[in-house]
Amino acid sequence: MMSKAWLSLGANIGDPPAQLADAVDRIISQPQIALIATSTVITTKPWGKTDQPDFANMAMSIVTSLKPLKLLDVLQSIELAMGRERIEVWGPRLIDIDIIAYDRRIDLSPRLTLPHPYAHERDFVLDPLREIDPETADWVIAMAASKA
């Protein structure tokens, strides 16, 4: 059975636009993943930790046969293969790939919260997501509001 997922990608060191393109290629090269759409790349100020270079951000929607935690494993292995080091929370990074939503499921586990718990606070996530799927962006915001 195929599920739909929405991802947010960001980078701010190295060559961010090239790294985003590389990440998209690596994601869609997975046999269990097919691309639906990608947003344009936008440049944004850092969030959380502000004394670092601006970010290049984008969103993508996919269909996948992978369950949420397996998809997370695949995405984290792509980050690792691209040189991602998890040194500092909200710090500079070569690549960051987050699952924003998965089949509009509401899920909470030690490794993954769906929808993404901070997406509704981050225009760098919502603006690209609105570009490719405005209804899902509205759903993410509504889910956050319902928890408030």
C-alpha atoms as a PDB file:
ATOM      1  CA  MET A   1       0.000   0.000   0.000  1.00  0.00           C
ATOM      2  CA  MET A   2       1.304   3.440  -0.927  1.00  0.00           C
ATOM      3  CA  SER A   3       1.190   6.406   1.437  1.00  0.00           C
ATOM      4  CA  LYS A   4       1.751  10.082   0.808  1.00  0.00           C
ATOM      5  CA  ALA A   5       4.359  12.042   2.741  1.00  0.00           C
ATOM      6  CA  TRP A   6       5.500  15.651   2.774  1.00  0.00           C
ATOM      7  CA  LEU A   7       9.145  16.475   3.451  1.00  0.00           C
ATOM      8  CA  SER A   8      11.025  19.656   4.278  1.00  0.00           C
ATOM      9  CA  LEU A   9      14.644  20.012   3.174  1.00  0.00           C
ATOM     10  CA  GLY A  10      17.171  22.638   4.221  1.00  0.00           C
ATOM     11  CA  ALA A  11      20.892  23.401   4.042  1.00  0.00           C
ATOM     12  CA  ASN A  12      23.105  26.369   4.905  1.00  0.00           C
ATOM     13  CA  ILE A  13      26.739  25.330   4.537  1.00  0.00           C
ATOM     14  CA  GLY A  14      28.643  24.142   1.494  1.00  0.00           C
ATOM     15  CA  ASP A  15      26.579  24.643  -1.687  1.00  0.00           C
ATOM     16  CA  PRO A  16      23.013  24.522  -0.345  1.00  0.00           C
ATOM     17  CA  PRO A  17      21.094  24.550  -3.676  1.00  0.00           C
ATOM     18  CA  ALA A  18      23.291  21.728  -5.020  1.00  0.00           C
ATOM     19  CA  GLN A  19      22.897  19.759  -1.785  1.00  0.00           C
ATOM     20  CA  LEU A  20      19.114  20.104  -1.923  1.00  0.00           C
ATOM     21  CA  ALA A  21      19.114  18.854  -5.523  1.00  0.00           C
ATOM     22  CA  ASP A  22      21.389  15.955  -4.521  1.00  0.00           C
ATOM     23  CA  ALA A  23      19.103  15.076  -1.597  1.00  0.00           C
ATOM     24  CA  VAL A  24      16.028  15.062  -3.856  1.00  0.00           C
ATOM     25  CA  ASP A  25      17.846  12.780  -6.316  1.00  0.00           C
ATOM     26  CA  ARG A  26      18.874  10.422  -3.511  1.00  0.00           C
ATOM     27  CA  ILE A  27      15.345  10.339  -2.072  1.00  0.00           C
ATOM     28  CA  ILE A  28      13.638   9.584  -5.367  1.00  0.00           C
ATOM     29  CA  SER A  29      16.283   6.999  -6.296  1.00  0.00           C
ATOM     30  CA  GLN A  30      14.915   4.811  -3.493  1.00  0.00           C
ATOM     31  CA  PRO A  31      12.798   2.043  -5.057  1.00  0.00           C
ATOM     32  CA  GLN A  32      10.035   2.484  -2.457  1.00  0.00           C
ATOM     33  CA  ILE A  33       9.651   6.240  -3.101  1.00  0.00           C
ATOM     34  CA  ALA A  34       8.156   8.174  -6.023  1.00  0.00           C
ATOM     35  CA  LEU A  35       8.099  11.939  -6.440  1.00  0.00           C
ATOM     36  CA  ILE A  36       4.839  13.852  -6.658  1.00  0.00           C
ATOM     37  CA  ALA A  37       6.113  17.449  -6.512  1.00  0.00           C
ATOM     38  CA  THR A  38       8.925  19.722  -5.383  1.00  0.00           C
ATOM     39  CA  SER A  39       8.686  23.384  -4.445  1.00  0.00           C
ATOM     40  CA  THR A  40      11.020  26.114  -5.523  1.00  0.00           C
ATOM     41  CA  VAL A  41      14.039  26.742  -3.306  1.00  0.00           C
ATOM     42  CA  ILE A  42      13.696  29.746  -1.001  1.00  0.00           C
ATOM     43  CA  THR A  43      16.348  31.509   1.071  1.00  0.00           C
ATOM     44  CA  THR A  44      15.484  32.145   4.705  1.00  0.00           C
ATOM     45  CA  LYS A  45      17.057  33.434   7.893  1.00  0.00           C
ATOM     46  CA  PRO A  46      18.078  30.792  10.461  1.00  0.00           C
ATOM     47  CA  TRP A  47      15.516  29.746  13.071  1.00  0.00           C
ATOM     48  CA  GLY A  48      16.372  28.983  16.691  1.00  0.00           C
ATOM     49  CA  LYS A  49      20.101  29.671  16.436  1.00  0.00           C
ATOM     50  CA  THR A  50      20.449  32.866  14.419  1.00  0.00           C
ATOM     51  CA  ASP A  51      24.239  33.431  14.249  1.00  0.00           C
ATOM     52  CA  GLN A  52      24.796  31.306  11.142  1.00  0.00           C
ATOM     53  CA  PRO A  53      24.393  31.584   7.343  1.00  0.00           C
ATOM     54  CA  ASP A  54      20.968  31.824   5.703  1.00  0.00           C
ATOM     55  CA  PHE A  55      19.275  28.576   4.710  1.00  0.00           C
ATOM     56  CA  ALA A  56      18.097  27.277   1.367  1.00  0.00           C
ATOM     57  CA  ASN A  57      14.786  25.477   1.978  1.00  0.00           C
ATOM     58  CA  MET A  58      12.276  23.524  -0.061  1.00  0.00           C
ATOM     59  CA  ALA A  59       9.494  20.988   0.290  1.00  0.00           C
ATOM     60  CA  MET A  60       8.617  17.842  -1.575  1.00  0.00           C
ATOM     61  CA  SER A  61       5.706  15.455  -1.646  1.00  0.00           C
ATOM     62  CA  ILE A  62       6.203  11.771  -2.279  1.00  0.00           C
ATOM     63  CA  VAL A  63       4.372   8.489  -2.320  1.00  0.00           C
ATOM     64  CA  THR A  64       6.029   5.602  -0.551  1.00  0.00           C
ATOM     65  CA  SER A  65       5.480   2.037   0.540  1.00  0.00           C
ATOM     66  CA  LEU A  66       7.688   2.709   3.583  1.00  0.00           C
ATOM     67  CA  LYS A  67       6.082   3.062   6.999  1.00  0.00           C
ATOM     68  CA  PRO A  68       6.886   6.337   8.828  1.00  0.00           C
ATOM     69  CA  LEU A  69       9.812   5.097  10.955  1.00  0.00           C
ATOM     70  CA  LYS A  70      11.368   3.220   8.032  1.00  0.00           C
ATOM     71  CA  LEU A  71      11.046   6.380   5.908  1.00  0.00           C
ATOM     72  CA  LEU A  72      12.767   8.295   8.711  1.00  0.00           C
ATOM     73  CA  ASP A  73      15.582   5.702   8.706  1.00  0.00           C
ATOM     74  CA  VAL A  74      16.031   6.086   4.941  1.00  0.00           C
ATOM     75  CA  LEU A  75      16.060   9.893   5.140  1.00  0.00           C
ATOM     76  CA  GLN A  76      18.546   9.891   8.018  1.00  0.00           C
ATOM     77  CA  SER A  77      20.802   7.480   6.119  1.00  0.00           C
ATOM     78  CA  ILE A  78      20.735   9.905   3.158  1.00  0.00           C
ATOM     79  CA  GLU A  79      21.675  12.780   5.481  1.00  0.00           C
ATOM     80  CA  LEU A  80      24.551  10.706   6.891  1.00  0.00           C
ATOM     81  CA  ALA A  81      25.770   9.673   3.423  1.00  0.00           C
ATOM     82  CA  MET A  82      25.776  13.347   2.410  1.00  0.00           C
ATOM     83  CA  GLY A  83      27.963  14.253   5.409  1.00  0.00           C
ATOM     84  CA  ARG A  84      25.399  15.464   7.939  1.00  0.00           C
ATOM     85  CA  GLU A  85      26.818  15.673  11.435  1.00  0.00           C
ATOM     86  CA  ARG A  86      24.427  16.240  14.347  1.00  0.00           C
ATOM     87  CA  ILE A  87      26.587  18.480  16.521  1.00  0.00           C
ATOM     88  CA  GLU A  88      24.368  21.380  17.564  1.00  0.00           C
ATOM     89  CA  VAL A  89      20.571  21.696  17.816  1.00  0.00           C
ATOM     90  CA  TRP A  90      19.360  24.115  15.108  1.00  0.00           C
ATOM     91  CA  GLY A  91      22.987  24.612  14.071  1.00  0.00           C
ATOM     92  CA  PRO A  92      24.535  24.813  10.594  1.00  0.00           C
ATOM     93  CA  ARG A  93      24.064  21.781   8.408  1.00  0.00           C
ATOM     94  CA  LEU A  94      24.944  20.361   5.024  1.00  0.00           C
ATOM     95  CA  ILE A  95      21.464  18.849   4.741  1.00  0.00           C
ATOM     96  CA  ASP A  96      18.373  18.446   6.867  1.00  0.00           C
ATOM     97  CA  ILE A  97      15.418  16.316   5.775  1.00  0.00           C
ATOM     98  CA  ASP A  98      12.305  16.286   7.958  1.00  0.00           C
ATOM     99  CA  ILE A  99       9.017  14.447   7.596  1.00  0.00           C
ATOM    100  CA  ILE A 100       6.354  17.139   7.975  1.00  0.00           C
ATOM    101  CA  ALA A 101       3.331  14.901   7.523  1.00  0.00           C
ATOM    102  CA  TYR A 102       2.569  11.320   6.541  1.00  0.00           C
ATOM    103  CA  ASP A 103      -0.909  10.460   5.238  1.00  0.00           C
ATOM    104  CA  ARG A 104      -2.200  13.165   7.576  1.00  0.00           C
ATOM    105  CA  ARG A 105      -1.615  10.766  10.454  1.00  0.00           C
ATOM    106  CA  ILE A 106      -1.335  11.983  14.014  1.00  0.00           C
ATOM    107  CA  ASP A 107       1.379   9.971  15.713  1.00  0.00           C
ATOM    108  CA  LEU A 108       3.751  10.379  18.611  1.00  0.00           C
ATOM    109  CA  SER A 109       6.708   8.113  19.235  1.00  0.00           C
ATOM    110  CA  PRO A 110      10.113   8.666  20.834  1.00  0.00           C
ATOM    111  CA  ARG A 111      11.674   9.071  17.367  1.00  0.00           C
ATOM    112  CA  LEU A 112       8.957  10.740  15.292  1.00  0.00           C
ATOM    113  CA  THR A 113       6.038  13.101  15.883  1.00  0.00           C
ATOM    114  CA  LEU A 114       3.491  13.534  13.093  1.00  0.00           C
ATOM    115  CA  PRO A 115       2.716  16.093  11.955  1.00  0.00           C
ATOM    116  CA  HIS A 116       6.093  17.719  12.646  1.00  0.00           C
ATOM    117  CA  PRO A 117       5.720  19.475  16.018  1.00  0.00           C
ATOM    118  CA  TYR A 118       7.263  22.811  14.927  1.00  0.00           C
ATOM    119  CA  ALA A 119       6.207  23.037  11.273  1.00  0.00           C
ATOM    120  CA  HIS A 120       3.347  25.433  12.019  1.00  0.00           C
ATOM    121  CA  GLU A 121       5.838  27.926  13.560  1.00  0.00           C
ATOM    122  CA  ARG A 122       8.244  27.915  10.628  1.00  0.00           C
ATOM    123  CA  ASP A 123       7.522  29.865   7.462  1.00  0.00           C
ATOM    124  CA  PHE A 124      10.532  28.184   5.843  1.00  0.00           C
ATOM    125  CA  VAL A 125       8.546  24.937   6.116  1.00  0.00           C
ATOM    126  CA  LEU A 126       5.044  26.279   5.486  1.00  0.00           C
ATOM    127  CA  ASP A 127       5.782  28.534   2.491  1.00  0.00           C
ATOM    128  CA  PRO A 128       7.299  25.770   0.310  1.00  0.00           C
ATOM    129  CA  LEU A 129       4.635  23.324   1.537  1.00  0.00           C
ATOM    130  CA  ARG A 130       1.861  25.789   0.597  1.00  0.00           C
ATOM    131  CA  GLU A 131       3.374  26.016  -2.881  1.00  0.00           C
ATOM    132  CA  ILE A 132       2.995  22.280  -3.539  1.00  0.00           C
ATOM    133  CA  ASP A 133       0.028  21.407  -1.305  1.00  0.00           C
ATOM    134  CA  PRO A 134      -1.885  24.267   0.359  1.00  0.00           C
ATOM    135  CA  GLU A 135      -4.445  21.897   1.912  1.00  0.00           C
ATOM    136  CA  THR A 136      -1.760  19.946   3.758  1.00  0.00           C
ATOM    137  CA  ALA A 137      -0.141  23.174   4.984  1.00  0.00           C
ATOM    138  CA  ASP A 138      -3.537  24.246   6.354  1.00  0.00           C
ATOM    139  CA  TRP A 139      -3.976  20.811   7.978  1.00  0.00           C
ATOM    140  CA  VAL A 140      -0.557  21.051   9.699  1.00  0.00           C
ATOM    141  CA  ILE A 141      -1.537  24.466  11.104  1.00  0.00           C
ATOM    142  CA  ALA A 142      -4.955  23.178  12.193  1.00  0.00           C
ATOM    143  CA  MET A 143      -3.406  20.192  13.989  1.00  0.00           C
ATOM    144  CA  ALA A 144      -1.075  22.514  15.900  1.00  0.00           C
ATOM    145  CA  ALA A 145      -3.968  24.785  16.837  1.00  0.00           C
ATOM    146  CA  SER A 146      -5.979  21.821  18.102  1.00  0.00           C
ATOM    147  CA  LYS A 147      -3.141  20.936  20.525  1.00  0.00           C
ATOM    148  CA  ALA A 148      -2.865  24.477  21.893  1.00  0.00           C
END
